């Protein structure tokens, strides 16, 4: 059994944007959600997550705001914008194309 610890290069945007498409979350919540969605296969480290979120915010894909967490701590929450939803749709389409191509390669003789 293969146990993936870090996500492959290029997968981070789709993983983060997919998590945020469900609800606004703080960074730790995004990491936990990605791990849950992938059945534990993908773990997004904080050192990769926050620079990506800052890039997404600069590109207009996400907005952030401060809010109190369930544990009564102040945290920055991230929310997907309409531009971010379009970026997610584009990322999903690209990954489906990639996965289909890989499947054809794996099944070829």
PDB file of N, CA and C in Angstrom:
ATOM      1  N   UNK A   1       0.842  -1.187   0.000  1.00  0.00           N
ATOM      2  CA  UNK A   1       0.000   0.000   0.000  1.00  0.00           C
ATOM      3  C   UNK A   1       0.883   1.245   0.000  1.00  0.00           C
ATOM      4  N   UNK A   2       0.539   2.201  -0.844  1.00  0.00           N
ATOM      5  CA  UNK A   2       1.274   3.459  -0.910  1.00  0.00           C
ATOM      6  C   UNK A   2       0.643   4.425   0.081  1.00  0.00           C
ATOM      7  N   UNK A   3       1.470   5.060   0.879  1.00  0.00           N
ATOM      8  CA  UNK A   3       0.981   6.050   1.843  1.00  0.00           C
ATOM      9  C   UNK A   3       1.609   7.389   1.480  1.00  0.00           C
ATOM     10  N   UNK A   4       0.816   8.291   0.931  1.00  0.00           N
ATOM     11  CA  UNK A   4       1.302   9.589   0.493  1.00  0.00           C
ATOM     12  C   UNK A   4       1.304  10.538   1.676  1.00  0.00           C
ATOM     13  N   UNK A   5       2.427  11.182   1.929  1.00  0.00           N
ATOM     14  CA  UNK A   5       2.523  12.120   3.031  1.00  0.00           C
ATOM     15  C   UNK A   5       2.355  13.545   2.533  1.00  0.00           C
ATOM     16  N   UNK A   6       3.021  13.888   1.457  1.00  0.00           N
ATOM     17  CA  UNK A   6       2.926  15.226   0.885  1.00  0.00           C
ATOM     18  C   UNK A   6       2.182  15.162  -0.441  1.00  0.00           C
ATOM     19  N   UNK A   7       1.486  16.234  -0.766  1.00  0.00           N
ATOM     20  CA  UNK A   7       0.762  16.261  -2.034  1.00  0.00           C
ATOM     21  C   UNK A   7       1.742  16.489  -3.177  1.00  0.00           C
ATOM     22  N   UNK A   8       1.386  15.984  -4.344  1.00  0.00           N
ATOM     23  CA  UNK A   8       2.212  16.176  -5.532  1.00  0.00           C
ATOM     24  C   UNK A   8       2.180  17.641  -5.945  1.00  0.00           C
ATOM     25  N   UNK A   9       3.257  18.077  -6.568  1.00  0.00           N
ATOM     26  CA  UNK A   9       3.317  19.450  -7.066  1.00  0.00           C
ATOM     27  C   UNK A   9       2.152  19.675  -8.030  1.00  0.00           C
ATOM     28  N   UNK A  10       1.482  20.788  -7.883  1.00  0.00           N
ATOM     29  CA  UNK A  10       0.367  21.133  -8.755  1.00  0.00           C
ATOM     30  C   UNK A  10      -0.991  20.734  -8.218  1.00  0.00           C
ATOM     31  N   UNK A  11      -1.039  19.912  -7.167  1.00  0.00           N
ATOM     32  CA  UNK A  11      -2.334  19.478  -6.629  1.00  0.00           C
ATOM     33  C   UNK A  11      -2.876  20.429  -5.573  1.00  0.00           C
ATOM     34  N   UNK A  12      -2.007  21.230  -5.003  1.00  0.00           N
ATOM     35  CA  UNK A  12      -2.412  22.077  -3.886  1.00  0.00           C
ATOM     36  C   UNK A  12      -3.581  23.010  -4.212  1.00  0.00           C
ATOM     37  N   UNK A  13      -3.571  23.705  -5.349  1.00  0.00           N
ATOM     38  CA  UNK A  13      -4.708  24.593  -5.617  1.00  0.00           C
ATOM     39  C   UNK A  13      -6.051  23.882  -5.623  1.00  0.00           C
ATOM     40  N   UNK A  14      -6.149  22.753  -6.304  1.00  0.00           N
ATOM     41  CA  UNK A  14      -7.442  22.081  -6.376  1.00  0.00           C
ATOM     42  C   UNK A  14      -7.869  21.559  -5.008  1.00  0.00           C
ATOM     43  N   UNK A  15      -6.932  21.086  -4.201  1.00  0.00           N
ATOM     44  CA  UNK A  15      -7.279  20.578  -2.872  1.00  0.00           C
ATOM     45  C   UNK A  15      -7.796  21.693  -1.964  1.00  0.00           C
ATOM     46  N   UNK A  16      -7.104  22.816  -1.947  1.00  0.00           N
ATOM     47  CA  UNK A  16      -7.511  23.939  -1.095  1.00  0.00           C
ATOM     48  C   UNK A  16      -8.824  24.538  -1.581  1.00  0.00           C
ATOM     49  N   UNK A  17      -8.912  24.798  -2.882  1.00  0.00           N
ATOM     50  CA  UNK A  17     -10.118  25.426  -3.418  1.00  0.00           C
ATOM     51  C   UNK A  17     -11.335  24.516  -3.243  1.00  0.00           C
ATOM     52  N   UNK A  18     -11.144  23.207  -3.397  1.00  0.00           N
ATOM     53  CA  UNK A  18     -12.261  22.270  -3.198  1.00  0.00           C
ATOM     54  C   UNK A  18     -12.751  22.323  -1.753  1.00  0.00           C
ATOM     55  N   UNK A  19     -11.825  22.337  -0.815  1.00  0.00           N
ATOM     56  CA  UNK A  19     -12.219  22.430   0.594  1.00  0.00           C
ATOM     57  C   UNK A  19     -12.999  23.716   0.848  1.00  0.00           C
ATOM     58  N   UNK A  20     -12.519  24.819   0.298  1.00  0.00           N
ATOM     59  CA  UNK A  20     -13.176  26.105   0.528  1.00  0.00           C
ATOM     60  C   UNK A  20     -14.492  26.238  -0.244  1.00  0.00           C
ATOM     61  N   UNK A  21     -14.710  25.383  -1.241  1.00  0.00           N
ATOM     62  CA  UNK A  21     -15.974  25.449  -1.980  1.00  0.00           C
ATOM     63  C   UNK A  21     -17.137  24.976  -1.117  1.00  0.00           C
ATOM     64  N   UNK A  22     -16.824  24.262  -0.050  1.00  0.00           N
ATOM     65  CA  UNK A  22     -17.858  23.731   0.835  1.00  0.00           C
ATOM     66  C   UNK A  22     -18.267  24.722   1.911  1.00  0.00           C
ATOM     67  N   UNK A  23     -17.284  25.456   2.446  1.00  0.00           N
ATOM     68  CA  UNK A  23     -17.544  26.470   3.479  1.00  0.00           C
ATOM     69  C   UNK A  23     -16.263  27.252   3.740  1.00  0.00           C
ATOM     70  N   UNK A  24     -16.382  28.402   4.376  1.00  0.00           N
ATOM     71  CA  UNK A  24     -15.179  29.138   4.751  1.00  0.00           C
ATOM     72  C   UNK A  24     -14.525  28.416   5.925  1.00  0.00           C
ATOM     73  N   UNK A  25     -13.196  28.422   5.931  1.00  0.00           N
ATOM     74  CA  UNK A  25     -12.449  27.693   6.958  1.00  0.00           C
ATOM     75  C   UNK A  25     -11.176  28.438   7.304  1.00  0.00           C
ATOM     76  N   UNK A  26     -10.657  28.146   8.484  1.00  0.00           N
ATOM     77  CA  UNK A  26      -9.330  28.630   8.848  1.00  0.00           C
ATOM     78  C   UNK A  26      -8.309  27.618   8.334  1.00  0.00           C
ATOM     79  N   UNK A  27      -7.045  27.998   8.353  1.00  0.00           N
ATOM     80  CA  UNK A  27      -5.998  27.156   7.773  1.00  0.00           C
ATOM     81  C   UNK A  27      -5.961  25.747   8.315  1.00  0.00           C
ATOM     82  N   UNK A  28      -6.018  25.608   9.621  1.00  0.00           N
ATOM     83  CA  UNK A  28      -5.972  24.273  10.213  1.00  0.00           C
ATOM     84  C   UNK A  28      -7.157  23.435   9.741  1.00  0.00           C
ATOM     85  N   UNK A  29      -8.321  24.075   9.649  1.00  0.00           N
ATOM     86  CA  UNK A  29      -9.514  23.378   9.174  1.00  0.00           C
ATOM     87  C   UNK A  29      -9.368  22.914   7.734  1.00  0.00           C
ATOM     88  N   UNK A  30      -8.722  23.732   6.903  1.00  0.00           N
ATOM     89  CA  UNK A  30      -8.487  23.347   5.510  1.00  0.00           C
ATOM     90  C   UNK A  30      -7.599  22.102   5.474  1.00  0.00           C
ATOM     91  N   UNK A  31      -6.511  22.124   6.239  1.00  0.00           N
ATOM     92  CA  UNK A  31      -5.598  20.973   6.278  1.00  0.00           C
ATOM     93  C   UNK A  31      -6.327  19.712   6.716  1.00  0.00           C
ATOM     94  N   UNK A  32      -7.121  19.819   7.758  1.00  0.00           N
ATOM     95  CA  UNK A  32      -7.868  18.655   8.256  1.00  0.00           C
ATOM     96  C   UNK A  32      -8.877  18.161   7.228  1.00  0.00           C
ATOM     97  N   UNK A  33      -9.531  19.102   6.555  1.00  0.00           N
ATOM     98  CA  UNK A  33     -10.542  18.727   5.576  1.00  0.00           C
ATOM     99  C   UNK A  33      -9.908  17.995   4.391  1.00  0.00           C
ATOM    100  N   UNK A  34      -8.779  18.485   3.910  1.00  0.00           N
ATOM    101  CA  UNK A  34      -8.084  17.824   2.803  1.00  0.00           C
ATOM    102  C   UNK A  34      -7.694  16.402   3.204  1.00  0.00           C
ATOM    103  N   UNK A  35      -7.189  16.256   4.408  1.00  0.00           N
ATOM    104  CA  UNK A  35      -6.800  14.925   4.880  1.00  0.00           C
ATOM    105  C   UNK A  35      -8.014  14.001   4.952  1.00  0.00           C
ATOM    106  N   UNK A  36      -9.132  14.524   5.461  1.00  0.00           N
ATOM    107  CA  UNK A  36     -10.367  13.742   5.558  1.00  0.00           C
ATOM    108  C   UNK A  36     -10.900  13.380   4.165  1.00  0.00           C
ATOM    109  N   UNK A  37     -10.949  14.380   3.254  1.00  0.00           N
ATOM    110  CA  UNK A  37     -11.463  14.134   1.899  1.00  0.00           C
ATOM    111  C   UNK A  37     -10.668  13.051   1.192  1.00  0.00           C
ATOM    112  N   UNK A  38      -9.367  13.001   1.448  1.00  0.00           N
ATOM    113  CA  UNK A  38      -8.490  12.056   0.744  1.00  0.00           C
ATOM    114  C   UNK A  38      -8.334  10.733   1.489  1.00  0.00           C
ATOM    115  N   UNK A  39      -9.063  10.547   2.545  1.00  0.00           N
ATOM    116  CA  UNK A  39      -8.943   9.319   3.315  1.00  0.00           C
ATOM    117  C   UNK A  39      -7.585   9.181   3.976  1.00  0.00           C
ATOM    118  N   UNK A  40      -6.966  10.319   4.286  1.00  0.00           N
ATOM    119  CA  UNK A  40      -5.667  10.312   4.943  1.00  0.00           C
ATOM    120  C   UNK A  40      -4.482  10.254   4.000  1.00  0.00           C
ATOM    121  N   UNK A  41      -4.737  10.192   2.707  1.00  0.00           N
ATOM    122  CA  UNK A  41      -3.640  10.080   1.739  1.00  0.00           C
ATOM    123  C   UNK A  41      -2.876  11.384   1.571  1.00  0.00           C
ATOM    124  N   UNK A  42      -3.566  12.522   1.659  1.00  0.00           N
ATOM    125  CA  UNK A  42      -2.921  13.820   1.453  1.00  0.00           C
ATOM    126  C   UNK A  42      -2.847  14.595   2.755  1.00  0.00           C
ATOM    127  N   UNK A  43      -1.685  15.098   3.046  1.00  0.00           N
ATOM    128  CA  UNK A  43      -1.467  15.955   4.207  1.00  0.00           C
ATOM    129  C   UNK A  43      -0.859  17.259   3.701  1.00  0.00           C
ATOM    130  N   UNK A  44      -1.539  18.360   3.966  1.00  0.00           N
ATOM    131  CA  UNK A  44      -1.056  19.664   3.527  1.00  0.00           C
ATOM    132  C   UNK A  44      -0.395  20.339   4.713  1.00  0.00           C
ATOM    133  N   UNK A  45       0.890  20.564   4.612  1.00  0.00           N
ATOM    134  CA  UNK A  45       1.631  21.221   5.681  1.00  0.00           C
ATOM    135  C   UNK A  45       1.375  22.711   5.721  1.00  0.00           C
ATOM    136  N   UNK A  46       1.501  23.276   6.900  1.00  0.00           N
ATOM    137  CA  UNK A  46       1.265  24.705   7.087  1.00  0.00           C
ATOM    138  C   UNK A  46       2.233  25.553   6.259  1.00  0.00           C
ATOM    139  N   UNK A  47       3.440  25.033   6.056  1.00  0.00           N
ATOM    140  CA  UNK A  47       4.433  25.756   5.271  1.00  0.00           C
ATOM    141  C   UNK A  47       4.088  25.862   3.806  1.00  0.00           C
ATOM    142  N   UNK A  48       3.229  24.980   3.312  1.00  0.00           N
ATOM    143  CA  UNK A  48       2.741  25.050   1.934  1.00  0.00           C
ATOM    144  C   UNK A  48       1.388  25.748   1.870  1.00  0.00           C
ATOM    145  N   UNK A  49       0.573  25.506   2.887  1.00  0.00           N
ATOM    146  CA  UNK A  49      -0.799  26.007   2.881  1.00  0.00           C
ATOM    147  C   UNK A  49      -0.870  27.529   2.899  1.00  0.00           C
ATOM    148  N   UNK A  50      -0.205  28.152   3.859  1.00  0.00           N
ATOM    149  CA  UNK A  50      -0.368  29.605   4.016  1.00  0.00           C
ATOM    150  C   UNK A  50       0.207  30.413   2.861  1.00  0.00           C
ATOM    151  N   UNK A  51       1.369  30.065   2.319  1.00  0.00           N
ATOM    152  CA  UNK A  51       1.817  30.795   1.120  1.00  0.00           C
ATOM    153  C   UNK A  51       0.827  30.645  -0.041  1.00  0.00           C
ATOM    154  N   UNK A  52       0.236  29.452  -0.190  1.00  0.00           N
ATOM    155  CA  UNK A  52      -0.759  29.253  -1.248  1.00  0.00           C
ATOM    156  C   UNK A  52      -1.988  30.122  -0.999  1.00  0.00           C
ATOM    157  N   UNK A  53      -2.464  30.153   0.241  1.00  0.00           N
ATOM    158  CA  UNK A  53      -3.633  30.981   0.554  1.00  0.00           C
ATOM    159  C   UNK A  53      -3.352  32.453   0.294  1.00  0.00           C
ATOM    160  N   UNK A  54      -2.148  32.910   0.601  1.00  0.00           N
ATOM    161  CA  UNK A  54      -1.783  34.309   0.343  1.00  0.00           C
ATOM    162  C   UNK A  54      -1.751  34.585  -1.163  1.00  0.00           C
ATOM    163  N   UNK A  55      -1.249  33.627  -1.948  1.00  0.00           N
ATOM    164  CA  UNK A  55      -1.258  33.784  -3.412  1.00  0.00           C
ATOM    165  C   UNK A  55      -2.694  33.825  -3.930  1.00  0.00           C
ATOM    166  N   UNK A  56      -3.537  32.946  -3.398  1.00  0.00           N
ATOM    167  CA  UNK A  56      -4.931  32.906  -3.837  1.00  0.00           C
ATOM    168  C   UNK A  56      -5.660  34.192  -3.473  1.00  0.00           C
ATOM    169  N   UNK A  57      -5.320  34.746  -2.325  1.00  0.00           N
ATOM    170  CA  UNK A  57      -5.936  36.009  -1.914  1.00  0.00           C
ATOM    171  C   UNK A  57      -5.481  37.137  -2.836  1.00  0.00           C
ATOM    172  N   UNK A  58      -4.203  37.156  -3.173  1.00  0.00           N
ATOM    173  CA  UNK A  58      -3.672  38.182  -4.072  1.00  0.00           C
ATOM    174  C   UNK A  58      -4.282  38.068  -5.473  1.00  0.00           C
ATOM    175  N   UNK A  59      -4.616  36.847  -5.876  1.00  0.00           N
ATOM    176  CA  UNK A  59      -5.200  36.640  -7.201  1.00  0.00           C
ATOM    177  C   UNK A  59      -6.711  36.861  -7.220  1.00  0.00           C
ATOM    178  N   UNK A  60      -7.300  37.061  -6.047  1.00  0.00           N
ATOM    179  CA  UNK A  60      -8.742  37.284  -5.965  1.00  0.00           C
ATOM    180  C   UNK A  60      -9.557  36.013  -5.868  1.00  0.00           C
ATOM    181  N   UNK A  61      -8.885  34.870  -5.672  1.00  0.00           N
ATOM    182  CA  UNK A  61      -9.606  33.606  -5.558  1.00  0.00           C
ATOM    183  C   UNK A  61     -10.245  33.430  -4.201  1.00  0.00           C
ATOM    184  N   UNK A  62      -9.643  33.991  -3.161  1.00  0.00           N
ATOM    185  CA  UNK A  62     -10.185  33.889  -1.809  1.00  0.00           C
ATOM    186  C   UNK A  62     -10.161  35.253  -1.126  1.00  0.00           C
ATOM    187  N   UNK A  63     -11.047  35.405  -0.174  1.00  0.00           N
ATOM    188  CA  UNK A  63     -11.058  36.546   0.735  1.00  0.00           C
ATOM    189  C   UNK A  63     -10.794  35.998   2.129  1.00  0.00           C
ATOM    190  N   UNK A  64     -10.235  36.827   2.992  1.00  0.00           N
ATOM    191  CA  UNK A  64     -10.023  36.369   4.363  1.00  0.00           C
ATOM    192  C   UNK A  64     -10.587  37.381   5.345  1.00  0.00           C
ATOM    193  N   UNK A  65     -10.932  36.884   6.508  1.00  0.00           N
ATOM    194  CA  UNK A  65     -11.428  37.734   7.593  1.00  0.00           C
ATOM    195  C   UNK A  65     -11.137  37.029   8.916  1.00  0.00           C
ATOM    196  N   UNK A  66     -11.024  37.818   9.961  1.00  0.00           N
ATOM    197  CA  UNK A  66     -10.759  37.271  11.295  1.00  0.00           C
ATOM    198  C   UNK A  66     -12.077  36.905  11.944  1.00  0.00           C
ATOM    199  N   UNK A  67     -12.070  35.754  12.629  1.00  0.00           N
ATOM    200  CA  UNK A  67     -13.272  35.262  13.293  1.00  0.00           C
ATOM    201  C   UNK A  67     -12.856  34.372  14.457  1.00  0.00           C
ATOM    202  N   UNK A  68     -13.730  34.228  15.421  1.00  0.00           N
ATOM    203  CA  UNK A  68     -13.475  33.358  16.555  1.00  0.00           C
ATOM    204  C   UNK A  68     -13.816  31.919  16.172  1.00  0.00           C
ATOM    205  N   UNK A  69     -12.919  30.990  16.502  1.00  0.00           N
ATOM    206  CA  UNK A  69     -13.125  29.575  16.179  1.00  0.00           C
ATOM    207  C   UNK A  69     -14.060  28.919  17.183  1.00  0.00           C
ATOM    208  N   UNK A  70     -14.338  27.647  16.936  1.00  0.00           N
ATOM    209  CA  UNK A  70     -15.166  26.850  17.844  1.00  0.00           C
ATOM    210  C   UNK A  70     -14.504  26.741  19.221  1.00  0.00           C
ATOM    211  N   UNK A  71     -13.171  26.843  19.255  1.00  0.00           N
ATOM    212  CA  UNK A  71     -12.403  26.754  20.504  1.00  0.00           C
ATOM    213  C   UNK A  71     -12.161  28.121  21.140  1.00  0.00           C
ATOM    214  N   UNK A  72     -12.898  29.123  20.670  1.00  0.00           N
ATOM    215  CA  UNK A  72     -12.815  30.477  21.213  1.00  0.00           C
ATOM    216  C   UNK A  72     -11.451  31.129  20.984  1.00  0.00           C
ATOM    217  N   UNK A  73     -10.830  30.805  19.854  1.00  0.00           N
ATOM    218  CA  UNK A  73      -9.566  31.430  19.464  1.00  0.00           C
ATOM    219  C   UNK A  73      -9.793  32.262  18.227  1.00  0.00           C
ATOM    220  N   UNK A  74      -9.036  33.325  18.098  1.00  0.00           N
ATOM    221  CA  UNK A  74      -9.132  34.176  16.923  1.00  0.00           C
ATOM    222  C   UNK A  74      -8.312  33.563  15.793  1.00  0.00           C
ATOM    223  N   UNK A  75      -8.936  33.407  14.624  1.00  0.00           N
ATOM    224  CA  UNK A  75      -8.250  32.812  13.472  1.00  0.00           C
ATOM    225  C   UNK A  75      -8.702  33.504  12.197  1.00  0.00           C
ATOM    226  N   UNK A  76      -7.827  33.470  11.205  1.00  0.00           N
ATOM    227  CA  UNK A  76      -8.164  34.022   9.900  1.00  0.00           C
ATOM    228  C   UNK A  76      -8.910  32.939   9.119  1.00  0.00           C
ATOM    229  N   UNK A  77     -10.116  33.270   8.665  1.00  0.00           N
ATOM    230  CA  UNK A  77     -10.926  32.359   7.871  1.00  0.00           C
ATOM    231  C   UNK A  77     -10.819  32.773   6.401  1.00  0.00           C
ATOM    232  N   UNK A  78     -10.840  31.782   5.540  1.00  0.00           N
ATOM    233  CA  UNK A  78     -10.728  32.009   4.108  1.00  0.00           C
ATOM    234  C   UNK A  78     -12.021  31.569   3.437  1.00  0.00           C
ATOM    235  N   UNK A  79     -12.439  32.377   2.455  1.00  0.00           N
ATOM    236  CA  UNK A  79     -13.705  32.149   1.763  1.00  0.00           C
ATOM    237  C   UNK A  79     -13.458  32.228   0.263  1.00  0.00           C
ATOM    238  N   UNK A  80     -14.027  31.292  -0.474  1.00  0.00           N
ATOM    239  CA  UNK A  80     -13.876  31.252  -1.922  1.00  0.00           C
ATOM    240  C   UNK A  80     -14.717  32.359  -2.563  1.00  0.00           C
ATOM    241  N   UNK A  81     -14.156  33.045  -3.530  1.00  0.00           N
ATOM    242  CA  UNK A  81     -14.864  34.090  -4.279  1.00  0.00           C
ATOM    243  C   UNK A  81     -15.421  33.491  -5.570  1.00  0.00           C
ATOM    244  N   UNK A  82     -16.267  34.225  -6.289  1.00  0.00           N
ATOM    245  CA  UNK A  82     -16.717  33.737  -7.600  1.00  0.00           C
ATOM    246  C   UNK A  82     -15.541  33.476  -8.557  1.00  0.00           C
ATOM    247  N   UNK A  83     -14.525  34.311  -8.510  1.00  0.00           N
ATOM    248  CA  UNK A  83     -13.330  34.094  -9.339  1.00  0.00           C
ATOM    249  C   UNK A  83     -12.640  32.802  -8.898  1.00  0.00           C
ATOM    250  N   UNK A  84     -12.624  32.529  -7.603  1.00  0.00           N
ATOM    251  CA  UNK A  84     -12.045  31.299  -7.081  1.00  0.00           C
ATOM    252  C   UNK A  84     -12.836  30.069  -7.501  1.00  0.00           C
ATOM    253  N   UNK A  85     -14.152  30.211  -7.566  1.00  0.00           N
ATOM    254  CA  UNK A  85     -14.981  29.081  -8.029  1.00  0.00           C
ATOM    255  C   UNK A  85     -14.678  28.754  -9.490  1.00  0.00           C
ATOM    256  N   UNK A  86     -14.441  29.776 -10.286  1.00  0.00           N
ATOM    257  CA  UNK A  86     -14.064  29.565 -11.691  1.00  0.00           C
ATOM    258  C   UNK A  86     -12.690  28.910 -11.759  1.00  0.00           C
ATOM    259  N   UNK A  87     -11.759  29.365 -10.923  1.00  0.00           N
ATOM    260  CA  UNK A  87     -10.422  28.762 -10.887  1.00  0.00           C
ATOM    261  C   UNK A  87     -10.517  27.293 -10.484  1.00  0.00           C
ATOM    262  N   UNK A  88     -11.383  26.970  -9.517  1.00  0.00           N
ATOM    263  CA  UNK A  88     -11.577  25.591  -9.110  1.00  0.00           C
ATOM    264  C   UNK A  88     -12.115  24.760 -10.274  1.00  0.00           C
ATOM    265  N   UNK A  89     -13.100  25.276 -10.975  1.00  0.00           N
ATOM    266  CA  UNK A  89     -13.660  24.548 -12.124  1.00  0.00           C
ATOM    267  C   UNK A  89     -12.574  24.278 -13.165  1.00  0.00           C
ATOM    268  N   UNK A  90     -11.727  25.267 -13.413  1.00  0.00           N
ATOM    269  CA  UNK A  90     -10.625  25.094 -14.370  1.00  0.00           C
ATOM    270  C   UNK A  90      -9.633  24.047 -13.881  1.00  0.00           C
ATOM    271  N   UNK A  91      -9.297  24.086 -12.590  1.00  0.00           N
ATOM    272  CA  UNK A  91      -8.366  23.116 -12.004  1.00  0.00           C
ATOM    273  C   UNK A  91      -8.932  21.699 -12.075  1.00  0.00           C
ATOM    274  N   UNK A  92     -10.212  21.551 -11.753  1.00  0.00           N
ATOM    275  CA  UNK A  92     -10.848  20.232 -11.793  1.00  0.00           C
ATOM    276  C   UNK A  92     -10.830  19.686 -13.217  1.00  0.00           C
ATOM    277  N   UNK A  93     -11.146  20.531 -14.184  1.00  0.00           N
ATOM    278  CA  UNK A  93     -11.141  20.097 -15.580  1.00  0.00           C
ATOM    279  C   UNK A  93      -9.737  19.646 -15.997  1.00  0.00           C
ATOM    280  N   UNK A  94      -8.723  20.400 -15.614  1.00  0.00           N
ATOM    281  CA  UNK A  94      -7.349  20.044 -15.961  1.00  0.00           C
ATOM    282  C   UNK A  94      -6.941  18.719 -15.310  1.00  0.00           C
ATOM    283  N   UNK A  95      -7.310  18.517 -14.039  1.00  0.00           N
ATOM    284  CA  UNK A  95      -6.954  17.273 -13.350  1.00  0.00           C
ATOM    285  C   UNK A  95      -7.701  16.082 -13.909  1.00  0.00           C
ATOM    286  N   UNK A  96      -8.945  16.270 -14.306  1.00  0.00           N
ATOM    287  CA  UNK A  96      -9.691  15.160 -14.916  1.00  0.00           C
ATOM    288  C   UNK A  96      -9.044  14.752 -16.239  1.00  0.00           C
ATOM    289  N   UNK A  97      -8.615  15.723 -17.016  1.00  0.00           N
ATOM    290  CA  UNK A  97      -7.925  15.449 -18.280  1.00  0.00           C
ATOM    291  C   UNK A  97      -6.636  14.677 -18.006  1.00  0.00           C
ATOM    292  N   UNK A  98      -5.878  15.135 -17.024  1.00  0.00           N
ATOM    293  CA  UNK A  98      -4.622  14.497 -16.639  1.00  0.00           C
ATOM    294  C   UNK A  98      -4.862  13.061 -16.160  1.00  0.00           C
ATOM    295  N   UNK A  99      -5.845  12.883 -15.292  1.00  0.00           N
ATOM    296  CA  UNK A  99      -6.149  11.556 -14.748  1.00  0.00           C
ATOM    297  C   UNK A  99      -6.615  10.606 -15.851  1.00  0.00           C
ATOM    298  N   UNK A 100      -7.429  11.098 -16.771  1.00  0.00           N
ATOM    299  CA  UNK A 100      -7.872  10.263 -17.885  1.00  0.00           C
ATOM    300  C   UNK A 100      -6.691   9.851 -18.749  1.00  0.00           C
ATOM    301  N   UNK A 101      -5.791  10.785 -19.022  1.00  0.00           N
ATOM    302  CA  UNK A 101      -4.612  10.474 -19.822  1.00  0.00           C
ATOM    303  C   UNK A 101      -3.739   9.445 -19.109  1.00  0.00           C
ATOM    304  N   UNK A 102      -3.538   9.597 -17.804  1.00  0.00           N
ATOM    305  CA  UNK A 102      -2.754   8.635 -17.040  1.00  0.00           C
ATOM    306  C   UNK A 102      -3.423   7.252 -17.066  1.00  0.00           C
ATOM    307  N   UNK A 103      -4.730   7.225 -16.970  1.00  0.00           N
ATOM    308  CA  UNK A 103      -5.456   5.960 -17.020  1.00  0.00           C
ATOM    309  C   UNK A 103      -5.232   5.271 -18.362  1.00  0.00           C
ATOM    310  N   UNK A 104      -5.278   6.037 -19.463  1.00  0.00           N
ATOM    311  CA  UNK A 104      -5.033   5.454 -20.777  1.00  0.00           C
ATOM    312  C   UNK A 104      -3.619   4.891 -20.864  1.00  0.00           C
ATOM    313  N   UNK A 105      -2.652   5.609 -20.302  1.00  0.00           N
ATOM    314  CA  UNK A 105      -1.271   5.132 -20.316  1.00  0.00           C
ATOM    315  C   UNK A 105      -1.136   3.840 -19.512  1.00  0.00           C
ATOM    316  N   UNK A 106      -1.744   3.801 -18.341  1.00  0.00           N
ATOM    317  CA  UNK A 106      -1.649   2.630 -17.475  1.00  0.00           C
ATOM    318  C   UNK A 106      -2.305   1.402 -18.098  1.00  0.00           C
ATOM    319  N   UNK A 107      -3.344   1.614 -18.904  1.00  0.00           N
ATOM    320  CA  UNK A 107      -4.059   0.493 -19.513  1.00  0.00           C
ATOM    321  C   UNK A 107      -3.512   0.086 -20.864  1.00  0.00           C
ATOM    322  N   UNK A 108      -2.577   0.849 -21.412  1.00  0.00           N
ATOM    323  CA  UNK A 108      -2.054   0.524 -22.744  1.00  0.00           C
ATOM    324  C   UNK A 108      -1.130  -0.693 -22.693  1.00  0.00           C
ATOM    325  N   UNK A 109      -1.047  -1.351 -23.808  1.00  0.00           N
ATOM    326  CA  UNK A 109      -0.185  -2.538 -23.908  1.00  0.00           C
ATOM    327  C   UNK A 109       1.172  -2.186 -24.452  1.00  0.00           C
TER     328      UNK A 109
END
